[in-house]
Amino acid sequence: MLAVLVWVFAWWLTEAVPMPITSMSPLFLFPFFGISCADDVAQSYMDDVIALLLGSFILALAVEHYNIHRRLALNYRE
């Protein structure tokens, strides 16, 4: 497990691999090396708070993509 963590940390530090791949690599590496089962690792990735944050980030990206923030700002007049 320590070797996997050092490997992921090296990827994170050097950015040799894109961050989404680096962050998801324990999900595949822990079951592959027999450190933990895939269900336990996946459950730690989708905690309730993490799901809430992920949903809010996706909503913020959608608002920015369709310029809803500008539309609201331009339509708001006193």
PDB file of N, CA and C in Angstrom:
ATOM      1  N   MET A   1       0.826  -1.186   0.000  1.00  0.00           N
ATOM      2  CA  MET A   1       0.000   0.000   0.000  1.00  0.00           C
ATOM      3  C   MET A   1       0.868   1.246   0.000  1.00  0.00           C
ATOM      4  N   LEU A   2       1.945   1.203   0.743  1.00  0.00           N
ATOM      5  CA  LEU A   2       2.845   2.350   0.779  1.00  0.00           C
ATOM      6  C   LEU A   2       3.433   2.624  -0.597  1.00  0.00           C
ATOM      7  N   ALA A   3       3.762   1.579  -1.344  1.00  0.00           N
ATOM      8  CA  ALA A   3       4.308   1.763  -2.684  1.00  0.00           C
ATOM      9  C   ALA A   3       3.285   2.415  -3.616  1.00  0.00           C
ATOM     10  N   VAL A   4       2.021   2.011  -3.506  1.00  0.00           N
ATOM     11  CA  VAL A   4       0.972   2.620  -4.332  1.00  0.00           C
ATOM     12  C   VAL A   4       0.802   4.090  -3.953  1.00  0.00           C
ATOM     13  N   LEU A   5       0.803   4.391  -2.678  1.00  0.00           N
ATOM     14  CA  LEU A   5       0.667   5.770  -2.241  1.00  0.00           C
ATOM     15  C   LEU A   5       1.837   6.638  -2.693  1.00  0.00           C
ATOM     16  N   VAL A   6       3.044   6.099  -2.647  1.00  0.00           N
ATOM     17  CA  VAL A   6       4.207   6.848  -3.129  1.00  0.00           C
ATOM     18  C   VAL A   6       4.108   7.070  -4.630  1.00  0.00           C
ATOM     19  N   TRP A   7       3.645   6.052  -5.351  1.00  0.00           N
ATOM     20  CA  TRP A   7       3.470   6.154  -6.800  1.00  0.00           C
ATOM     21  C   TRP A   7       2.447   7.239  -7.152  1.00  0.00           C
ATOM     22  N   VAL A   8       1.315   7.226  -6.478  1.00  0.00           N
ATOM     23  CA  VAL A   8       0.277   8.230  -6.728  1.00  0.00           C
ATOM     24  C   VAL A   8       0.768   9.614  -6.321  1.00  0.00           C
ATOM     25  N   PHE A   9       1.480   9.697  -5.218  1.00  0.00           N
ATOM     26  CA  PHE A   9       2.031  10.983  -4.778  1.00  0.00           C
ATOM     27  C   PHE A   9       3.036  11.516  -5.786  1.00  0.00           C
ATOM     28  N   ALA A  10       3.861  10.646  -6.354  1.00  0.00           N
ATOM     29  CA  ALA A  10       4.826  11.084  -7.369  1.00  0.00           C
ATOM     30  C   ALA A  10       4.110  11.604  -8.613  1.00  0.00           C
ATOM     31  N   TRP A  11       3.051  10.914  -9.010  1.00  0.00           N
ATOM     32  CA  TRP A  11       2.261  11.406 -10.155  1.00  0.00           C
ATOM     33  C   TRP A  11       1.644  12.759  -9.844  1.00  0.00           C
ATOM     34  N   TRP A  12       1.131  12.907  -8.606  1.00  0.00           N
ATOM     35  CA  TRP A  12       0.505  14.155  -8.215  1.00  0.00           C
ATOM     36  C   TRP A  12       1.524  15.289  -8.153  1.00  0.00           C
ATOM     37  N   LEU A  13       2.695  15.008  -7.620  1.00  0.00           N
ATOM     38  CA  LEU A  13       3.730  16.024  -7.442  1.00  0.00           C
ATOM     39  C   LEU A  13       4.316  16.475  -8.770  1.00  0.00           C
ATOM     40  N   THR A  14       4.574  15.527  -9.660  1.00  0.00           N
ATOM     41  CA  THR A  14       5.211  15.864 -10.935  1.00  0.00           C
ATOM     42  C   THR A  14       4.216  16.185 -12.041  1.00  0.00           C
ATOM     43  N   GLU A  15       2.949  15.858 -11.827  1.00  0.00           N
ATOM     44  CA  GLU A  15       1.901  16.019 -12.834  1.00  0.00           C
ATOM     45  C   GLU A  15       2.272  15.331 -14.138  1.00  0.00           C
ATOM     46  N   ALA A  16       2.905  14.176 -14.020  1.00  0.00           N
ATOM     47  CA  ALA A  16       3.266  13.379 -15.187  1.00  0.00           C
ATOM     48  C   ALA A  16       2.037  12.786 -15.855  1.00  0.00           C
ATOM     49  N   VAL A  17       1.005  12.569 -15.073  1.00  0.00           N
ATOM     50  CA  VAL A  17      -0.271  12.026 -15.542  1.00  0.00           C
ATOM     51  C   VAL A  17      -1.331  13.061 -15.189  1.00  0.00           C
ATOM     52  N   PRO A  18      -2.345  13.257 -16.021  1.00  0.00           N
ATOM     53  CA  PRO A  18      -3.390  14.227 -15.673  1.00  0.00           C
ATOM     54  C   PRO A  18      -4.015  13.944 -14.303  1.00  0.00           C
ATOM     55  N   MET A  19      -4.418  14.998 -13.623  1.00  0.00           N
ATOM     56  CA  MET A  19      -4.947  14.883 -12.263  1.00  0.00           C
ATOM     57  C   MET A  19      -6.147  13.950 -12.137  1.00  0.00           C
ATOM     58  N   PRO A  20      -7.115  13.948 -13.076  1.00  0.00           N
ATOM     59  CA  PRO A  20      -8.222  13.001 -12.907  1.00  0.00           C
ATOM     60  C   PRO A  20      -7.763  11.545 -12.891  1.00  0.00           C
ATOM     61  N   ILE A  21      -6.780  11.214 -13.701  1.00  0.00           N
ATOM     62  CA  ILE A  21      -6.257   9.845 -13.714  1.00  0.00           C
ATOM     63  C   ILE A  21      -5.511   9.567 -12.422  1.00  0.00           C
ATOM     64  N   THR A  22      -4.737  10.536 -11.965  1.00  0.00           N
ATOM     65  CA  THR A  22      -4.000  10.373 -10.711  1.00  0.00           C
ATOM     66  C   THR A  22      -4.952  10.165  -9.538  1.00  0.00           C
ATOM     67  N   SER A  23      -6.023  10.940  -9.492  1.00  0.00           N
ATOM     68  CA  SER A  23      -6.937  10.837  -8.355  1.00  0.00           C
ATOM     69  C   SER A  23      -7.756   9.552  -8.373  1.00  0.00           C
ATOM     70  N   MET A  24      -8.004   9.008  -9.550  1.00  0.00           N
ATOM     71  CA  MET A  24      -8.798   7.778  -9.640  1.00  0.00           C
ATOM     72  C   MET A  24      -7.944   6.510  -9.634  1.00  0.00           C
ATOM     73  N   SER A  25      -6.645   6.635  -9.685  1.00  0.00           N
ATOM     74  CA  SER A  25      -5.785   5.453  -9.753  1.00  0.00           C
ATOM     75  C   SER A  25      -5.893   4.536  -8.530  1.00  0.00           C
ATOM     76  N   PRO A  26      -6.073   5.030  -7.285  1.00  0.00           N
ATOM     77  CA  PRO A  26      -6.257   4.081  -6.178  1.00  0.00           C
ATOM     78  C   PRO A  26      -7.504   3.214  -6.328  1.00  0.00           C
ATOM     79  N   LEU A  27      -8.511   3.731  -7.023  1.00  0.00           N
ATOM     80  CA  LEU A  27      -9.726   2.961  -7.250  1.00  0.00           C
ATOM     81  C   LEU A  27      -9.432   1.689  -8.042  1.00  0.00           C
ATOM     82  N   PHE A  28      -8.441   1.735  -8.904  1.00  0.00           N
ATOM     83  CA  PHE A  28      -8.076   0.570  -9.699  1.00  0.00           C
ATOM     84  C   PHE A  28      -6.863  -0.177  -9.143  1.00  0.00           C
ATOM     85  N   LEU A  29      -5.935   0.555  -8.520  1.00  0.00           N
ATOM     86  CA  LEU A  29      -4.697  -0.073  -8.050  1.00  0.00           C
ATOM     87  C   LEU A  29      -4.887  -0.858  -6.747  1.00  0.00           C
ATOM     88  N   PHE A  30      -5.720  -0.369  -5.824  1.00  0.00           N
ATOM     89  CA  PHE A  30      -5.912  -1.090  -4.564  1.00  0.00           C
ATOM     90  C   PHE A  30      -6.503  -2.470  -4.767  1.00  0.00           C
ATOM     91  N   PRO A  31      -7.566  -2.623  -5.570  1.00  0.00           N
ATOM     92  CA  PRO A  31      -8.057  -3.996  -5.805  1.00  0.00           C
ATOM     93  C   PRO A  31      -7.086  -4.842  -6.625  1.00  0.00           C
ATOM     94  N   PHE A  32      -6.356  -4.217  -7.558  1.00  0.00           N
ATOM     95  CA  PHE A  32      -5.417  -4.957  -8.391  1.00  0.00           C
ATOM     96  C   PHE A  32      -4.306  -5.596  -7.561  1.00  0.00           C
ATOM     97  N   PHE A  33      -3.803  -4.871  -6.567  1.00  0.00           N
ATOM     98  CA  PHE A  33      -2.735  -5.384  -5.719  1.00  0.00           C
ATOM     99  C   PHE A  33      -3.264  -6.085  -4.475  1.00  0.00           C
ATOM    100  N   GLY A  34      -4.566  -6.206  -4.324  1.00  0.00           N
ATOM    101  CA  GLY A  34      -5.146  -6.918  -3.192  1.00  0.00           C
ATOM    102  C   GLY A  34      -5.116  -6.159  -1.887  1.00  0.00           C
ATOM    103  N   ILE A  35      -5.000  -4.852  -1.936  1.00  0.00           N
ATOM    104  CA  ILE A  35      -4.949  -4.044  -0.719  1.00  0.00           C
ATOM    105  C   ILE A  35      -6.342  -3.923  -0.108  1.00  0.00           C
ATOM    106  N   SER A  36      -7.319  -3.697  -0.947  1.00  0.00           N
ATOM    107  CA  SER A  36      -8.698  -3.541  -0.493  1.00  0.00           C
ATOM    108  C   SER A  36      -9.616  -3.940  -1.636  1.00  0.00           C
ATOM    109  N   CYS A  37     -10.855  -4.281  -1.305  1.00  0.00           N
ATOM    110  CA  CYS A  37     -11.784  -4.651  -2.367  1.00  0.00           C
ATOM    111  C   CYS A  37     -12.313  -3.376  -3.041  1.00  0.00           C
ATOM    112  N   ALA A  38     -12.775  -3.530  -4.252  1.00  0.00           N
ATOM    113  CA  ALA A  38     -13.219  -2.383  -5.051  1.00  0.00           C
ATOM    114  C   ALA A  38     -14.413  -1.679  -4.413  1.00  0.00           C
ATOM    115  N   ASP A  39     -15.293  -2.419  -3.752  1.00  0.00           N
ATOM    116  CA  ASP A  39     -16.467  -1.813  -3.125  1.00  0.00           C
ATOM    117  C   ASP A  39     -16.075  -0.851  -2.003  1.00  0.00           C
ATOM    118  N   ASP A  40     -15.098  -1.234  -1.199  1.00  0.00           N
ATOM    119  CA  ASP A  40     -14.669  -0.375  -0.098  1.00  0.00           C
ATOM    120  C   ASP A  40     -14.005   0.903  -0.613  1.00  0.00           C
ATOM    121  N   VAL A  41     -13.191   0.760  -1.640  1.00  0.00           N
ATOM    122  CA  VAL A  41     -12.509   1.931  -2.196  1.00  0.00           C
ATOM    123  C   VAL A  41     -13.520   2.854  -2.862  1.00  0.00           C
ATOM    124  N   ALA A  42     -14.451   2.290  -3.631  1.00  0.00           N
ATOM    125  CA  ALA A  42     -15.460   3.107  -4.306  1.00  0.00           C
ATOM    126  C   ALA A  42     -16.367   3.797  -3.299  1.00  0.00           C
ATOM    127  N   GLN A  43     -16.659   3.144  -2.196  1.00  0.00           N
ATOM    128  CA  GLN A  43     -17.510   3.748  -1.170  1.00  0.00           C
ATOM    129  C   GLN A  43     -16.822   4.962  -0.544  1.00  0.00           C
ATOM    130  N   SER A  44     -15.510   4.907  -0.385  1.00  0.00           N
ATOM    131  CA  SER A  44     -14.806   6.056   0.174  1.00  0.00           C
ATOM    132  C   SER A  44     -14.748   7.223  -0.807  1.00  0.00           C
ATOM    133  N   TYR A  45     -14.824   6.940  -2.102  1.00  0.00           N
ATOM    134  CA  TYR A  45     -14.850   8.002  -3.095  1.00  0.00           C
ATOM    135  C   TYR A  45     -16.205   8.701  -3.139  1.00  0.00           C
ATOM    136  N   MET A  46     -17.288   8.006  -2.855  1.00  0.00           N
ATOM    137  CA  MET A  46     -18.619   8.590  -2.974  1.00  0.00           C
ATOM    138  C   MET A  46     -19.298   8.755  -1.618  1.00  0.00           C
ATOM    139  N   ASP A  47     -18.639   9.427  -0.729  1.00  0.00           N
ATOM    140  CA  ASP A  47     -19.239   9.821   0.538  1.00  0.00           C
ATOM    141  C   ASP A  47     -20.333  10.854   0.241  1.00  0.00           C
ATOM    142  N   ASP A  48     -21.260  11.052   1.159  1.00  0.00           N
ATOM    143  CA  ASP A  48     -22.363  11.986   0.932  1.00  0.00           C
ATOM    144  C   ASP A  48     -21.869  13.408   0.675  1.00  0.00           C
ATOM    145  N   VAL A  49     -20.882  13.849   1.442  1.00  0.00           N
ATOM    146  CA  VAL A  49     -20.372  15.205   1.287  1.00  0.00           C
ATOM    147  C   VAL A  49     -19.647  15.356  -0.052  1.00  0.00           C
ATOM    148  N   ILE A  50     -18.903  14.342  -0.452  1.00  0.00           N
ATOM    149  CA  ILE A  50     -18.201  14.391  -1.723  1.00  0.00           C
ATOM    150  C   ILE A  50     -19.193  14.430  -2.881  1.00  0.00           C
ATOM    151  N   ALA A  51     -20.273  13.665  -2.791  1.00  0.00           N
ATOM    152  CA  ALA A  51     -21.302  13.694  -3.828  1.00  0.00           C
ATOM    153  C   ALA A  51     -21.959  15.068  -3.906  1.00  0.00           C
ATOM    154  N   LEU A  52     -22.196  15.701  -2.761  1.00  0.00           N
ATOM    155  CA  LEU A  52     -22.775  17.039  -2.738  1.00  0.00           C
ATOM    156  C   LEU A  52     -21.836  18.042  -3.398  1.00  0.00           C
ATOM    157  N   LEU A  53     -20.561  17.986  -3.067  1.00  0.00           N
ATOM    158  CA  LEU A  53     -19.590  18.893  -3.678  1.00  0.00           C
ATOM    159  C   LEU A  53     -19.456  18.646  -5.175  1.00  0.00           C
ATOM    160  N   LEU A  54     -19.412  17.395  -5.583  1.00  0.00           N
ATOM    161  CA  LEU A  54     -19.309  17.065  -7.002  1.00  0.00           C
ATOM    162  C   LEU A  54     -20.512  17.599  -7.773  1.00  0.00           C
ATOM    163  N   GLY A  55     -21.701  17.428  -7.226  1.00  0.00           N
ATOM    164  CA  GLY A  55     -22.903  17.944  -7.874  1.00  0.00           C
ATOM    165  C   GLY A  55     -22.902  19.455  -7.978  1.00  0.00           C
ATOM    166  N   SER A  56     -22.438  20.134  -6.933  1.00  0.00           N
ATOM    167  CA  SER A  56     -22.398  21.594  -6.983  1.00  0.00           C
ATOM    168  C   SER A  56     -21.355  22.093  -7.975  1.00  0.00           C
ATOM    169  N   PHE A  57     -20.236  21.403  -8.098  1.00  0.00           N
ATOM    170  CA  PHE A  57     -19.236  21.797  -9.092  1.00  0.00           C
ATOM    171  C   PHE A  57     -19.755  21.595 -10.509  1.00  0.00           C
ATOM    172  N   ILE A  58     -20.466  20.503 -10.742  1.00  0.00           N
ATOM    173  CA  ILE A  58     -21.043  20.256 -12.068  1.00  0.00           C
ATOM    174  C   ILE A  58     -22.094  21.319 -12.387  1.00  0.00           C
ATOM    175  N   LEU A  59     -22.909  21.678 -11.423  1.00  0.00           N
ATOM    176  CA  LEU A  59     -23.902  22.727 -11.623  1.00  0.00           C
ATOM    177  C   LEU A  59     -23.223  24.067 -11.904  1.00  0.00           C
ATOM    178  N   ALA A  60     -22.152  24.385 -11.208  1.00  0.00           N
ATOM    179  CA  ALA A  60     -21.427  25.633 -11.446  1.00  0.00           C
ATOM    180  C   ALA A  60     -20.814  25.661 -12.840  1.00  0.00           C
ATOM    181  N   LEU A  61     -20.287  24.544 -13.300  1.00  0.00           N
ATOM    182  CA  LEU A  61     -19.752  24.491 -14.664  1.00  0.00           C
ATOM    183  C   LEU A  61     -20.844  24.693 -15.706  1.00  0.00           C
ATOM    184  N   ALA A  62     -22.025  24.139 -15.462  1.00  0.00           N
ATOM    185  CA  ALA A  62     -23.143  24.324 -16.392  1.00  0.00           C
ATOM    186  C   ALA A  62     -23.590  25.780 -16.419  1.00  0.00           C
ATOM    187  N   VAL A  63     -23.651  26.431 -15.259  1.00  0.00           N
ATOM    188  CA  VAL A  63     -24.018  27.839 -15.195  1.00  0.00           C
ATOM    189  C   VAL A  63     -23.004  28.682 -15.959  1.00  0.00           C
ATOM    190  N   GLU A  64     -21.728  28.382 -15.803  1.00  0.00           N
ATOM    191  CA  GLU A  64     -20.689  29.136 -16.495  1.00  0.00           C
ATOM    192  C   GLU A  64     -20.705  28.859 -17.999  1.00  0.00           C
ATOM    193  N   HIS A  65     -20.949  27.624 -18.385  1.00  0.00           N
ATOM    194  CA  HIS A  65     -20.942  27.264 -19.806  1.00  0.00           C
ATOM    195  C   HIS A  65     -22.049  27.977 -20.580  1.00  0.00           C
ATOM    196  N   TYR A  66     -23.229  28.064 -19.988  1.00  0.00           N
ATOM    197  CA  TYR A  66     -24.364  28.692 -20.662  1.00  0.00           C
ATOM    198  C   TYR A  66     -24.548  30.161 -20.289  1.00  0.00           C
ATOM    199  N   ASN A  67     -23.561  30.758 -19.633  1.00  0.00           N
ATOM    200  CA  ASN A  67     -23.547  32.178 -19.264  1.00  0.00           C
ATOM    201  C   ASN A  67     -24.775  32.603 -18.466  1.00  0.00           C
ATOM    202  N   ILE A  68     -25.276  31.720 -17.643  1.00  0.00           N
ATOM    203  CA  ILE A  68     -26.437  32.053 -16.828  1.00  0.00           C
ATOM    204  C   ILE A  68     -26.087  33.125 -15.800  1.00  0.00           C
ATOM    205  N   HIS A  69     -24.864  33.113 -15.322  1.00  0.00           N
ATOM    206  CA  HIS A  69     -24.463  34.125 -14.348  1.00  0.00           C
ATOM    207  C   HIS A  69     -24.510  35.521 -14.971  1.00  0.00           C
ATOM    208  N   ARG A  70     -24.126  35.666 -16.233  1.00  0.00           N
ATOM    209  CA  ARG A  70     -24.200  36.968 -16.903  1.00  0.00           C
ATOM    210  C   ARG A  70     -25.648  37.354 -17.178  1.00  0.00           C
ATOM    211  N   ARG A  71     -26.444  36.394 -17.583  1.00  0.00           N
ATOM    212  CA  ARG A  71     -27.848  36.685 -17.865  1.00  0.00           C
ATOM    213  C   ARG A  71     -28.559  37.180 -16.610  1.00  0.00           C
ATOM    214  N   LEU A  72     -28.277  36.548 -15.495  1.00  0.00           N
ATOM    215  CA  LEU A  72     -28.888  36.994 -14.239  1.00  0.00           C
ATOM    216  C   LEU A  72     -28.391  38.378 -13.847  1.00  0.00           C
ATOM    217  N   ALA A  73     -27.116  38.632 -14.040  1.00  0.00           N
ATOM    218  CA  ALA A  73     -26.565  39.933 -13.668  1.00  0.00           C
ATOM    219  C   ALA A  73     -27.108  41.050 -14.557  1.00  0.00           C
ATOM    220  N   LEU A  74     -27.283  40.777 -15.856  1.00  0.00           N
ATOM    221  CA  LEU A  74     -27.787  41.817 -16.759  1.00  0.00           C
ATOM    222  C   LEU A  74     -29.281  42.042 -16.606  1.00  0.00           C
ATOM    223  N   ASN A  75     -30.023  41.028 -16.203  1.00  0.00           N
ATOM    224  CA  ASN A  75     -31.466  41.169 -16.037  1.00  0.00           C
ATOM    225  C   ASN A  75     -31.864  41.747 -14.689  1.00  0.00           C
ATOM    226  N   TYR A  76     -30.950  41.795 -13.767  1.00  0.00           N
ATOM    227  CA  TYR A  76     -31.275  42.302 -12.427  1.00  0.00           C
ATOM    228  C   TYR A  76     -31.107  43.817 -12.427  1.00  0.00           C
ATOM    229  N   ARG A  77     -32.212  44.513 -12.312  1.00  0.00           N
ATOM    230  CA  ARG A  77     -32.170  45.979 -12.254  1.00  0.00           C
ATOM    231  C   ARG A  77     -33.128  46.416 -11.171  1.00  0.00           C
ATOM    232  N   GLU A  78     -32.749  47.436 -10.459  1.00  0.00           N
ATOM    233  CA  GLU A  78     -33.631  47.962  -9.414  1.00  0.00           C
ATOM    234  C   GLU A  78     -34.421  49.116  -9.939  1.00  0.00           C
TER     235      GLU A  78
END
